[in-house]
């Protein structure tokens, strides 16, 4: 009995001693390698998700920028008035549309006109409900300019609103009822205006907008 009890205690002590030895160096290296691989895989997945989310956010903001800009352009073009305008206090031009070809901002791609429908209920504000508007391309940014008064005086600075960035080219075309023209001359309005921009990310974007055309002033003010 004493011998068997001794052997039992000896085996238990040997087992405890074996457990106290811990992991071998190879086992530790293998564990570190496995942990490193898992960590690297997790970081790669996390980084991919972050990059994808950032890219989607940039695309969404860019699309919102384009949509807002073209909605504003459509609102302006659809309400062009048959009214001449003064630029920098000069004599009124005989043309309803001022472009770079008509010596308006000749060093830039631009268009200017007067539009109806500038909200001013009851004429409470000291200005007209008509607005002189211009679009131009400066430093790869499509800008919208407007003055508080229809006929700008000498020295009056326009209010500038950046609309679309990353634009390398701006061009306009005018529809006379039968074909599109690169230039517009005369004292009438086209039936439609097309704006074409060349962007760094989306390439060429073209939009066409109907205008009031040759409607009379009374009819046009009601549209």
Protein backbone atom coordinates (compact mmCIF):
# COMPACT_ATOMS: atom_id res chain seq x y z
CA UNK A 1 0.00 0.00 0.00
CA UNK A 2 2.79 2.38 0.86
CA UNK A 3 4.60 1.54 -2.38
CA UNK A 4 1.53 2.13 -4.53
CA UNK A 5 0.76 5.38 -2.74
CA UNK A 6 4.32 6.49 -3.32
CA UNK A 7 4.13 5.67 -7.02
CA UNK A 8 0.84 7.58 -7.33
CA UNK A 9 2.27 10.68 -5.65
CA UNK A 10 5.39 10.42 -7.81
CA UNK A 11 3.34 10.32 -11.04
CA UNK A 12 1.33 13.38 -9.93
CA UNK A 13 4.50 15.28 -9.15
CA UNK A 14 5.96 14.36 -12.55
CA UNK A 15 2.79 15.62 -14.25
CA UNK A 16 2.91 18.92 -12.41
CA UNK A 17 6.56 19.29 -13.27
CA UNK A 18 5.80 18.67 -16.95
CA UNK A 19 3.06 21.27 -16.93
CA UNK A 20 5.38 23.86 -15.42
CA UNK A 21 7.77 23.58 -18.36
CA UNK A 22 5.48 25.84 -20.56
CA UNK A 23 5.68 26.30 -24.39
CA UNK A 24 8.71 25.64 -26.49
CA UNK A 25 10.33 28.35 -28.61
CA UNK A 26 8.95 26.83 -31.79
CA UNK A 27 5.41 26.89 -30.39
CA UNK A 28 5.78 30.54 -29.43
CA UNK A 29 7.12 31.47 -32.90
CA UNK A 30 4.28 29.61 -34.58
CA UNK A 31 1.73 31.42 -32.37
CA UNK A 32 3.31 34.80 -33.16
CA UNK A 33 3.29 34.02 -36.88
CA UNK A 34 -0.37 33.02 -36.81
CA UNK A 35 -1.28 36.13 -34.82
CA UNK A 36 0.65 38.32 -37.28
CA UNK A 37 -1.13 36.83 -40.27
CA UNK A 38 -4.54 37.30 -38.64
CA UNK A 39 -3.67 40.89 -37.65
CA UNK A 40 -2.44 41.72 -41.15
CA UNK A 41 -5.57 40.27 -42.73
CA UNK A 42 -7.80 42.17 -40.31
CA UNK A 43 -5.97 45.46 -40.97
CA UNK A 44 -6.19 44.95 -44.74
CA UNK A 45 -9.94 44.36 -44.55
CA UNK A 46 -10.42 47.35 -42.25
CA UNK A 47 -8.32 49.60 -44.50
CA UNK A 48 -10.24 48.46 -47.59
CA UNK A 49 -13.56 49.25 -45.90
CA UNK A 50 -12.34 52.71 -44.86
CA UNK A 51 -11.02 53.50 -48.34
CA UNK A 52 -14.24 52.30 -49.94
CA UNK A 53 -16.33 54.43 -47.59
CA UNK A 54 -14.18 57.51 -48.25
CA UNK A 55 -14.32 56.96 -52.00
CA UNK A 56 -18.11 56.56 -51.90
CA UNK A 57 -18.43 59.75 -49.86
CA UNK A 58 -16.29 61.70 -52.35
CA UNK A 59 -18.34 60.40 -55.30
CA UNK A 60 -21.59 61.25 -53.53
CA UNK A 61 -20.43 64.80 -52.73
CA UNK A 62 -19.26 65.24 -56.32
CA UNK A 63 -22.58 64.09 -57.76
CA UNK A 64 -24.46 66.39 -55.39
CA UNK A 65 -22.24 69.27 -56.53
CA UNK A 66 -23.07 68.58 -60.18
CA UNK A 67 -26.79 68.18 -59.53
CA UNK A 68 -27.04 71.43 -57.56
CA UNK A 69 -25.12 73.31 -60.23
CA UNK A 70 -27.23 72.09 -63.15
CA UNK A 71 -30.47 72.74 -61.27
CA UNK A 72 -29.36 76.34 -60.75
CA UNK A 73 -28.27 76.68 -64.38
CA UNK A 74 -31.60 75.29 -65.58
CA UNK A 75 -33.48 77.77 -63.39
CA UNK A 76 -31.49 80.67 -64.82
CA UNK A 77 -31.61 79.62 -68.47
CA UNK A 78 -35.33 78.83 -68.42
CA UNK A 79 -36.10 82.36 -67.22
CA UNK A 80 -33.86 84.43 -69.50
CA UNK A 81 -35.51 87.79 -70.14
CA UNK A 82 -35.60 89.73 -73.40
CA UNK A 83 -33.75 92.59 -71.81
CA UNK A 84 -30.38 94.13 -72.55
CA UNK A 85 -27.86 94.73 -69.80
CA UNK A 86 -25.12 97.15 -68.88
CA UNK A 87 -21.68 95.87 -67.94
CA UNK A 88 -19.46 98.01 -65.71
CA UNK A 89 -21.59 101.07 -66.29
CA UNK A 90 -21.17 100.97 -70.04
CA UNK A 91 -23.98 101.66 -72.48
CA UNK A 92 -26.56 98.93 -72.75
CA UNK A 93 -25.79 96.32 -75.37
CA UNK A 94 -28.30 95.53 -78.10
CA UNK A 95 -27.89 91.81 -77.44
CA UNK A 96 -29.82 89.78 -74.89
CA UNK A 97 -26.94 87.33 -74.52
CA UNK A 98 -23.41 88.48 -73.81
CA UNK A 99 -20.66 85.95 -74.55
CA UNK A 100 -16.90 85.93 -74.92
CA UNK A 101 -17.46 86.31 -78.65
CA UNK A 102 -19.31 89.57 -77.96
CA UNK A 103 -16.31 91.00 -76.06
CA UNK A 104 -17.78 90.04 -72.69
CA UNK A 105 -14.93 88.75 -70.51
CA UNK A 106 -13.10 88.07 -73.74
CA UNK A 107 -10.24 86.36 -71.93
CA UNK A 108 -12.57 83.79 -70.38
CA UNK A 109 -15.24 81.31 -71.44
CA UNK A 110 -18.40 83.06 -70.26
CA UNK A 111 -22.03 84.00 -70.85
CA UNK A 112 -24.17 86.74 -69.31
CA UNK A 113 -27.87 87.67 -69.45
CA UNK A 114 -30.79 89.02 -67.46
CA UNK A 115 -33.29 86.61 -65.94
CA UNK A 116 -36.79 86.95 -64.53
CA UNK A 117 -38.15 85.47 -61.34
CA UNK A 118 -35.70 86.67 -58.70
CA UNK A 119 -37.93 86.32 -55.66
CA UNK A 120 -38.82 89.67 -54.12
CA UNK A 121 -42.42 89.48 -52.82
CA UNK A 122 -44.13 92.84 -53.04
CA UNK A 123 -40.81 94.42 -54.00
CA UNK A 124 -40.01 94.70 -50.29
CA UNK A 125 -36.29 94.65 -50.97
CA UNK A 126 -34.67 97.67 -52.68
CA UNK A 127 -34.09 95.84 -55.94
CA UNK A 128 -35.91 94.50 -58.98
CA UNK A 129 -37.27 90.99 -59.39
CA UNK A 130 -34.96 90.71 -62.42
CA UNK A 131 -31.34 89.66 -62.01
CA UNK A 132 -28.25 89.99 -64.17
CA UNK A 133 -26.40 86.67 -64.21
CA UNK A 134 -23.12 85.46 -65.67
CA UNK A 135 -21.31 82.14 -65.85
CA UNK A 136 -17.59 81.86 -66.37
CA UNK A 137 -14.69 79.44 -66.01
CA UNK A 138 -11.85 80.57 -63.74
CA UNK A 139 -9.02 78.37 -62.43
CA UNK A 140 -10.85 75.15 -63.39
CA UNK A 141 -13.96 76.27 -61.50
CA UNK A 142 -17.32 77.09 -63.06
CA UNK A 143 -18.59 80.21 -61.30
CA UNK A 144 -21.95 81.98 -61.20
CA UNK A 145 -21.93 85.76 -60.84
CA UNK A 146 -24.82 88.08 -60.11
CA UNK A 147 -25.36 91.71 -59.15
CA UNK A 148 -27.88 93.12 -56.70
CA UNK A 149 -29.06 95.50 -59.42
CA UNK A 150 -29.84 94.62 -63.01
CA UNK A 151 -27.52 97.24 -64.50
CA UNK A 152 -24.17 97.18 -62.76
CA UNK A 153 -22.48 100.52 -62.16
CA UNK A 154 -18.80 101.25 -62.42
CA UNK A 155 -16.84 99.65 -59.60
CA UNK A 156 -19.64 97.37 -58.42
CA UNK A 157 -18.30 93.94 -57.55
CA UNK A 158 -20.44 90.91 -58.39
CA UNK A 159 -21.30 88.19 -55.92
CA UNK A 160 -19.44 85.04 -56.96
CA UNK A 161 -20.62 81.51 -56.25
CA UNK A 162 -18.37 78.54 -57.18
CA UNK A 163 -20.48 75.79 -58.72
CA UNK A 164 -18.37 73.01 -60.24
CA UNK A 165 -14.69 72.30 -59.65
CA UNK A 166 -12.22 70.32 -61.79
CA UNK A 167 -13.53 71.83 -65.04
CA UNK A 168 -10.99 72.21 -67.83
CA UNK A 169 -13.28 73.52 -70.59
CA UNK A 170 -16.57 75.39 -70.83
CA UNK A 171 -18.55 75.86 -74.03
CA UNK A 172 -22.04 76.97 -75.02
CA UNK A 173 -24.20 76.17 -78.05
CA UNK A 174 -27.44 77.81 -79.16
CA UNK A 175 -30.43 76.23 -80.91
CA UNK A 176 -32.26 78.44 -83.40
CA UNK A 177 -35.10 76.02 -84.12
CA UNK A 178 -33.34 74.03 -86.82
CA UNK A 179 -29.72 73.53 -85.77
CA UNK A 180 -27.18 74.14 -83.02
CA UNK A 181 -24.78 77.06 -83.42
CA UNK A 182 -21.45 77.72 -81.74
CA UNK A 183 -22.11 81.48 -81.65
CA UNK A 184 -25.23 83.56 -81.18
CA UNK A 185 -25.75 86.98 -82.71
CA UNK A 186 -28.68 89.27 -83.18
CA UNK A 187 -31.22 90.74 -80.79
CA UNK A 188 -33.33 87.60 -80.34
CA UNK A 189 -33.13 84.64 -77.98
CA UNK A 190 -32.42 81.04 -78.97
CA UNK A 191 -34.97 78.34 -78.30
CA UNK A 192 -32.47 76.34 -76.26
CA UNK A 193 -28.99 76.66 -74.84
CA UNK A 194 -26.55 73.81 -74.31
CA UNK A 195 -23.74 73.96 -71.79
CA UNK A 196 -20.82 71.58 -72.15
CA UNK A 197 -18.08 71.14 -69.57
CA UNK A 198 -15.03 68.91 -69.64
CA UNK A 199 -14.22 67.57 -66.16
CA UNK A 200 -11.15 65.78 -64.88
CA UNK A 201 -13.13 62.90 -63.35
CA UNK A 202 -16.30 62.46 -65.45
CA UNK A 203 -15.06 63.68 -68.81
CA UNK A 204 -17.42 65.68 -71.03
CA UNK A 205 -20.83 66.53 -69.55
CA UNK A 206 -23.46 68.21 -71.73
CA UNK A 207 -26.84 69.57 -70.67
CA UNK A 208 -29.46 71.28 -72.84
CA UNK A 209 -32.03 73.72 -71.50
CA UNK A 210 -35.09 75.29 -73.09
CA UNK A 211 -35.45 79.06 -72.91
CA UNK A 212 -38.43 81.32 -73.41
CA UNK A 213 -37.21 82.19 -76.88
CA UNK A 214 -39.09 84.87 -78.75
CA UNK A 215 -42.12 85.02 -76.47
CA UNK A 216 -43.35 88.51 -75.79
CA UNK A 217 -42.31 90.21 -72.59
CA UNK A 218 -45.77 89.84 -71.03
CA UNK A 219 -46.00 86.16 -71.91
CA UNK A 220 -42.46 85.54 -70.72
CA UNK A 221 -43.08 87.18 -67.34
CA UNK A 222 -45.99 84.81 -66.75
CA UNK A 223 -43.94 81.65 -67.46
